[in-house]
Amino acid sequence: MVGPGSIILIAIVALLIFGPKKLPELGKAAGSTLREFKNATKGLADDDDDSKNKDAK
């Protein structure tokens, strides 16, 4: 598990590598990518549930 010290260290390294102007853009891109991934996996799970319900009927 990642502790708070590790998160702070990662944030400092990211700030040094990308700079303060690029960091919000990268965070926004990462958030939207994660959101799309969750929606896609939710859609797959819903499709799987639908197919199970059809087979049961």
PDB file of N, CA and C in Angstrom:
ATOM      1  N   MET A   1       0.852  -1.179   0.000  1.00  0.00           N
ATOM      2  CA  MET A   1       0.000   0.000   0.000  1.00  0.00           C
ATOM      3  C   MET A   1       0.895   1.238   0.000  1.00  0.00           C
ATOM      4  N   VAL A   2       0.406   2.270  -0.626  1.00  0.00           N
ATOM      5  CA  VAL A   2       1.171   3.503  -0.732  1.00  0.00           C
ATOM      6  C   VAL A   2       0.817   4.406   0.453  1.00  0.00           C
ATOM      7  N   GLY A   3       1.827   4.785   1.201  1.00  0.00           N
ATOM      8  CA  GLY A   3       1.607   5.639   2.362  1.00  0.00           C
ATOM      9  C   GLY A   3       1.646   7.105   1.988  1.00  0.00           C
ATOM     10  N   PRO A   4       1.319   7.974   2.939  1.00  0.00           N
ATOM     11  CA  PRO A   4       1.305   9.410   2.660  1.00  0.00           C
ATOM     12  C   PRO A   4       2.687   9.956   2.307  1.00  0.00           C
ATOM     13  N   GLY A   5       3.729   9.397   2.894  1.00  0.00           N
ATOM     14  CA  GLY A   5       5.086   9.844   2.569  1.00  0.00           C
ATOM     15  C   GLY A   5       5.448   9.547   1.124  1.00  0.00           C
ATOM     16  N   SER A   6       5.018   8.383   0.640  1.00  0.00           N
ATOM     17  CA  SER A   6       5.288   8.009  -0.747  1.00  0.00           C
ATOM     18  C   SER A   6       4.546   8.915  -1.718  1.00  0.00           C
ATOM     19  N   ILE A   7       3.322   9.248  -1.388  1.00  0.00           N
ATOM     20  CA  ILE A   7       2.522  10.124  -2.250  1.00  0.00           C
ATOM     21  C   ILE A   7       3.169  11.508  -2.336  1.00  0.00           C
ATOM     22  N   ILE A   8       3.637  12.020  -1.213  1.00  0.00           N
ATOM     23  CA  ILE A   8       4.295  13.329  -1.202  1.00  0.00           C
ATOM     24  C   ILE A   8       5.573  13.289  -2.033  1.00  0.00           C
ATOM     25  N   LEU A   9       6.330  12.226  -1.900  1.00  0.00           N
ATOM     26  CA  LEU A   9       7.565  12.077  -2.679  1.00  0.00           C
ATOM     27  C   LEU A   9       7.269  12.011  -4.180  1.00  0.00           C
ATOM     28  N   ILE A  10       6.259  11.264  -4.555  1.00  0.00           N
ATOM     29  CA  ILE A  10       5.866  11.175  -5.968  1.00  0.00           C
ATOM     30  C   ILE A  10       5.423  12.540  -6.481  1.00  0.00           C
ATOM     31  N   ALA A  11       4.666  13.283  -5.679  1.00  0.00           N
ATOM     32  CA  ALA A  11       4.205  14.609  -6.085  1.00  0.00           C
ATOM     33  C   ALA A  11       5.385  15.567  -6.278  1.00  0.00           C
ATOM     34  N   ILE A  12       6.363  15.511  -5.402  1.00  0.00           N
ATOM     35  CA  ILE A  12       7.540  16.385  -5.523  1.00  0.00           C
ATOM     36  C   ILE A  12       8.337  16.040  -6.777  1.00  0.00           C
ATOM     37  N   VAL A  13       8.525  14.753  -7.030  1.00  0.00           N
ATOM     38  CA  VAL A  13       9.258  14.337  -8.236  1.00  0.00           C
ATOM     39  C   VAL A  13       8.499  14.763  -9.493  1.00  0.00           C
ATOM     40  N   ALA A  14       7.189  14.583  -9.503  1.00  0.00           N
ATOM     41  CA  ALA A  14       6.389  14.992 -10.657  1.00  0.00           C
ATOM     42  C   ALA A  14       6.478  16.497 -10.865  1.00  0.00           C
ATOM     43  N   LEU A  15       6.459  17.249  -9.792  1.00  0.00           N
ATOM     44  CA  LEU A  15       6.573  18.702  -9.890  1.00  0.00           C
ATOM     45  C   LEU A  15       7.923  19.105 -10.471  1.00  0.00           C
ATOM     46  N   LEU A  16       8.981  18.423 -10.048  1.00  0.00           N
ATOM     47  CA  LEU A  16      10.318  18.724 -10.572  1.00  0.00           C
ATOM     48  C   LEU A  16      10.447  18.351 -12.048  1.00  0.00           C
ATOM     49  N   ILE A  17       9.845  17.235 -12.445  1.00  0.00           N
ATOM     50  CA  ILE A  17       9.970  16.777 -13.830  1.00  0.00           C
ATOM     51  C   ILE A  17       9.112  17.616 -14.776  1.00  0.00           C
ATOM     52  N   PHE A  18       7.845  17.811 -14.441  1.00  0.00           N
ATOM     53  CA  PHE A  18       6.908  18.446 -15.366  1.00  0.00           C
ATOM     54  C   PHE A  18       6.751  19.939 -15.157  1.00  0.00           C
ATOM     55  N   GLY A  19       7.048  20.431 -13.988  1.00  0.00           N
ATOM     56  CA  GLY A  19       6.894  21.847 -13.705  1.00  0.00           C
ATOM     57  C   GLY A  19       5.491  22.178 -13.250  1.00  0.00           C
ATOM     58  N   PRO A  20       5.339  23.342 -12.621  1.00  0.00           N
ATOM     59  CA  PRO A  20       4.032  23.696 -12.046  1.00  0.00           C
ATOM     60  C   PRO A  20       2.953  24.003 -13.081  1.00  0.00           C
ATOM     61  N   LYS A  21       3.329  24.372 -14.292  1.00  0.00           N
ATOM     62  CA  LYS A  21       2.316  24.713 -15.297  1.00  0.00           C
ATOM     63  C   LYS A  21       1.712  23.479 -15.946  1.00  0.00           C
ATOM     64  N   LYS A  22       2.478  22.421 -16.115  1.00  0.00           N
ATOM     65  CA  LYS A  22       1.992  21.206 -16.769  1.00  0.00           C
ATOM     66  C   LYS A  22       1.256  20.266 -15.816  1.00  0.00           C
ATOM     67  N   LEU A  23       1.534  20.372 -14.520  1.00  0.00           N
ATOM     68  CA  LEU A  23       0.985  19.422 -13.564  1.00  0.00           C
ATOM     69  C   LEU A  23      -0.551  19.400 -13.541  1.00  0.00           C
ATOM     70  N   PRO A  24      -1.244  20.536 -13.518  1.00  0.00           N
ATOM     71  CA  PRO A  24      -2.719  20.476 -13.536  1.00  0.00           C
ATOM     72  C   PRO A  24      -3.266  19.816 -14.803  1.00  0.00           C
ATOM     73  N   GLU A  25      -2.611  20.058 -15.945  1.00  0.00           N
ATOM     74  CA  GLU A  25      -3.060  19.433 -17.187  1.00  0.00           C
ATOM     75  C   GLU A  25      -2.901  17.913 -17.112  1.00  0.00           C
ATOM     76  N   LEU A  26      -1.787  17.463 -16.550  1.00  0.00           N
ATOM     77  CA  LEU A  26      -1.557  16.027 -16.430  1.00  0.00           C
ATOM     78  C   LEU A  26      -2.557  15.390 -15.466  1.00  0.00           C
ATOM     79  N   GLY A  27      -2.860  16.081 -14.380  1.00  0.00           N
ATOM     80  CA  GLY A  27      -3.852  15.576 -13.432  1.00  0.00           C
ATOM     81  C   GLY A  27      -5.230  15.470 -14.051  1.00  0.00           C
ATOM     82  N   LYS A  28      -5.596  16.469 -14.828  1.00  0.00           N
ATOM     83  CA  LYS A  28      -6.884  16.465 -15.499  1.00  0.00           C
ATOM     84  C   LYS A  28      -6.966  15.314 -16.505  1.00  0.00           C
ATOM     85  N   ALA A  29      -5.894  15.114 -17.269  1.00  0.00           N
ATOM     86  CA  ALA A  29      -5.857  14.027 -18.245  1.00  0.00           C
ATOM     87  C   ALA A  29      -5.933  12.668 -17.555  1.00  0.00           C
ATOM     88  N   ALA A  30      -5.206  12.516 -16.451  1.00  0.00           N
ATOM     89  CA  ALA A  30      -5.235  11.249 -15.711  1.00  0.00           C
ATOM     90  C   ALA A  30      -6.627  10.989 -15.140  1.00  0.00           C
ATOM     91  N   GLY A  31      -7.274  12.022 -14.631  1.00  0.00           N
ATOM     92  CA  GLY A  31      -8.622  11.875 -14.084  1.00  0.00           C
ATOM     93  C   GLY A  31      -9.637  11.477 -15.137  1.00  0.00           C
ATOM     94  N   SER A  32      -9.566  12.114 -16.310  1.00  0.00           N
ATOM     95  CA  SER A  32     -10.521  11.775 -17.363  1.00  0.00           C
ATOM     96  C   SER A  32     -10.263  10.368 -17.899  1.00  0.00           C
ATOM     97  N   THR A  33      -9.004   9.967 -17.964  1.00  0.00           N
ATOM     98  CA  THR A  33      -8.682   8.619 -18.409  1.00  0.00           C
ATOM     99  C   THR A  33      -9.220   7.589 -17.420  1.00  0.00           C
ATOM    100  N   LEU A  34      -9.036   7.843 -16.137  1.00  0.00           N
ATOM    101  CA  LEU A  34      -9.540   6.933 -15.116  1.00  0.00           C
ATOM    102  C   LEU A  34     -11.067   6.857 -15.161  1.00  0.00           C
ATOM    103  N   ARG A  35     -11.729   7.994 -15.368  1.00  0.00           N
ATOM    104  CA  ARG A  35     -13.188   8.034 -15.446  1.00  0.00           C
ATOM    105  C   ARG A  35     -13.682   7.206 -16.640  1.00  0.00           C
ATOM    106  N   GLU A  36     -13.037   7.366 -17.792  1.00  0.00           N
ATOM    107  CA  GLU A  36     -13.425   6.599 -18.971  1.00  0.00           C
ATOM    108  C   GLU A  36     -13.213   5.102 -18.743  1.00  0.00           C
ATOM    109  N   PHE A  37     -12.113   4.745 -18.088  1.00  0.00           N
ATOM    110  CA  PHE A  37     -11.840   3.338 -17.797  1.00  0.00           C
ATOM    111  C   PHE A  37     -12.913   2.754 -16.886  1.00  0.00           C
ATOM    112  N   LYS A  38     -13.303   3.503 -15.860  1.00  0.00           N
ATOM    113  CA  LYS A  38     -14.346   3.021 -14.946  1.00  0.00           C
ATOM    114  C   LYS A  38     -15.667   2.849 -15.683  1.00  0.00           C
ATOM    115  N   ASN A  39     -16.014   3.812 -16.546  1.00  0.00           N
ATOM    116  CA  ASN A  39     -17.258   3.710 -17.310  1.00  0.00           C
ATOM    117  C   ASN A  39     -17.235   2.506 -18.243  1.00  0.00           C
ATOM    118  N   ALA A  40     -16.097   2.255 -18.872  1.00  0.00           N
ATOM    119  CA  ALA A  40     -15.982   1.121 -19.785  1.00  0.00           C
ATOM    120  C   ALA A  40     -16.105  -0.201 -19.028  1.00  0.00           C
ATOM    121  N   THR A  41     -15.455  -0.308 -17.874  1.00  0.00           N
ATOM    122  CA  THR A  41     -15.534  -1.556 -17.123  1.00  0.00           C
ATOM    123  C   THR A  41     -16.935  -1.737 -16.529  1.00  0.00           C
ATOM    124  N   LYS A  42     -17.588  -0.641 -16.176  1.00  0.00           N
ATOM    125  CA  LYS A  42     -18.962  -0.736 -15.674  1.00  0.00           C
ATOM    126  C   LYS A  42     -19.883  -1.220 -16.784  1.00  0.00           C
ATOM    127  N   GLY A  43     -19.662  -0.706 -17.998  1.00  0.00           N
ATOM    128  CA  GLY A  43     -20.464  -1.145 -19.133  1.00  0.00           C
ATOM    129  C   GLY A  43     -20.271  -2.626 -19.412  1.00  0.00           C
ATOM    130  N   LEU A  44     -19.044  -3.115 -19.296  1.00  0.00           N
ATOM    131  CA  LEU A  44     -18.783  -4.539 -19.507  1.00  0.00           C
ATOM    132  C   LEU A  44     -19.470  -5.379 -18.441  1.00  0.00           C
ATOM    133  N   ALA A  45     -19.438  -4.911 -17.200  1.00  0.00           N
ATOM    134  CA  ALA A  45     -20.083  -5.648 -16.113  1.00  0.00           C
ATOM    135  C   ALA A  45     -21.600  -5.668 -16.311  1.00  0.00           C
ATOM    136  N   ASP A  46     -22.176  -4.550 -16.763  1.00  0.00           N
ATOM    137  CA  ASP A  46     -23.616  -4.494 -17.026  1.00  0.00           C
ATOM    138  C   ASP A  46     -23.991  -5.436 -18.161  1.00  0.00           C
ATOM    139  N   ASP A  47     -23.182  -5.476 -19.217  1.00  0.00           N
ATOM    140  CA  ASP A  47     -23.441  -6.377 -20.333  1.00  0.00           C
ATOM    141  C   ASP A  47     -23.394  -7.822 -19.876  1.00  0.00           C
ATOM    142  N   ASP A  48     -22.447  -8.144 -18.997  1.00  0.00           N
ATOM    143  CA  ASP A  48     -22.314  -9.499 -18.478  1.00  0.00           C
ATOM    144  C   ASP A  48     -23.542  -9.868 -17.652  1.00  0.00           C
ATOM    145  N   ASP A  49     -24.029  -8.933 -16.827  1.00  0.00           N
ATOM    146  CA  ASP A  49     -25.220  -9.186 -16.016  1.00  0.00           C
ATOM    147  C   ASP A  49     -26.438  -9.392 -16.907  1.00  0.00           C
ATOM    148  N   ASP A  50     -26.551  -8.600 -17.983  1.00  0.00           N
ATOM    149  CA  ASP A  50     -27.680  -8.735 -18.904  1.00  0.00           C
ATOM    150  C   ASP A  50     -27.683 -10.107 -19.569  1.00  0.00           C
ATOM    151  N   SER A  51     -26.514 -10.567 -19.978  1.00  0.00           N
ATOM    152  CA  SER A  51     -26.438 -11.873 -20.644  1.00  0.00           C
ATOM    153  C   SER A  51     -26.772 -12.997 -19.670  1.00  0.00           C
ATOM    154  N   LYS A  52     -26.392 -12.857 -18.410  1.00  0.00           N
ATOM    155  CA  LYS A  52     -26.734 -13.875 -17.415  1.00  0.00           C
ATOM    156  C   LYS A  52     -28.236 -13.903 -17.174  1.00  0.00           C
ATOM    157  N   ASN A  53     -28.868 -12.713 -17.143  1.00  0.00           N
ATOM    158  CA  ASN A  53     -30.311 -12.654 -16.927  1.00  0.00           C
ATOM    159  C   ASN A  53     -31.058 -13.271 -18.112  1.00  0.00           C
ATOM    160  N   LYS A  54     -30.577 -13.082 -19.336  1.00  0.00           N
ATOM    161  CA  LYS A  54     -31.224 -13.668 -20.504  1.00  0.00           C
ATOM    162  C   LYS A  54     -31.120 -15.178 -20.459  1.00  0.00           C
ATOM    163  N   ASP A  55     -29.945 -15.678 -20.059  1.00  0.00           N
ATOM    164  CA  ASP A  55     -29.751 -17.118 -19.997  1.00  0.00           C
ATOM    165  C   ASP A  55     -30.626 -17.760 -18.924  1.00  0.00           C
ATOM    166  N   ALA A  56     -30.896 -17.046 -17.857  1.00  0.00           N
ATOM    167  CA  ALA A  56     -31.696 -17.576 -16.765  1.00  0.00           C
ATOM    168  C   ALA A  56     -33.179 -17.659 -17.142  1.00  0.00           C
ATOM    169  N   LYS A  57     -33.618 -16.816 -18.065  1.00  0.00           N
ATOM    170  CA  LYS A  57     -35.045 -16.800 -18.441  1.00  0.00           C
ATOM    171  C   LYS A  57     -35.347 -17.867 -19.383  1.00  0.00           C
TER     172      LYS A  57
END
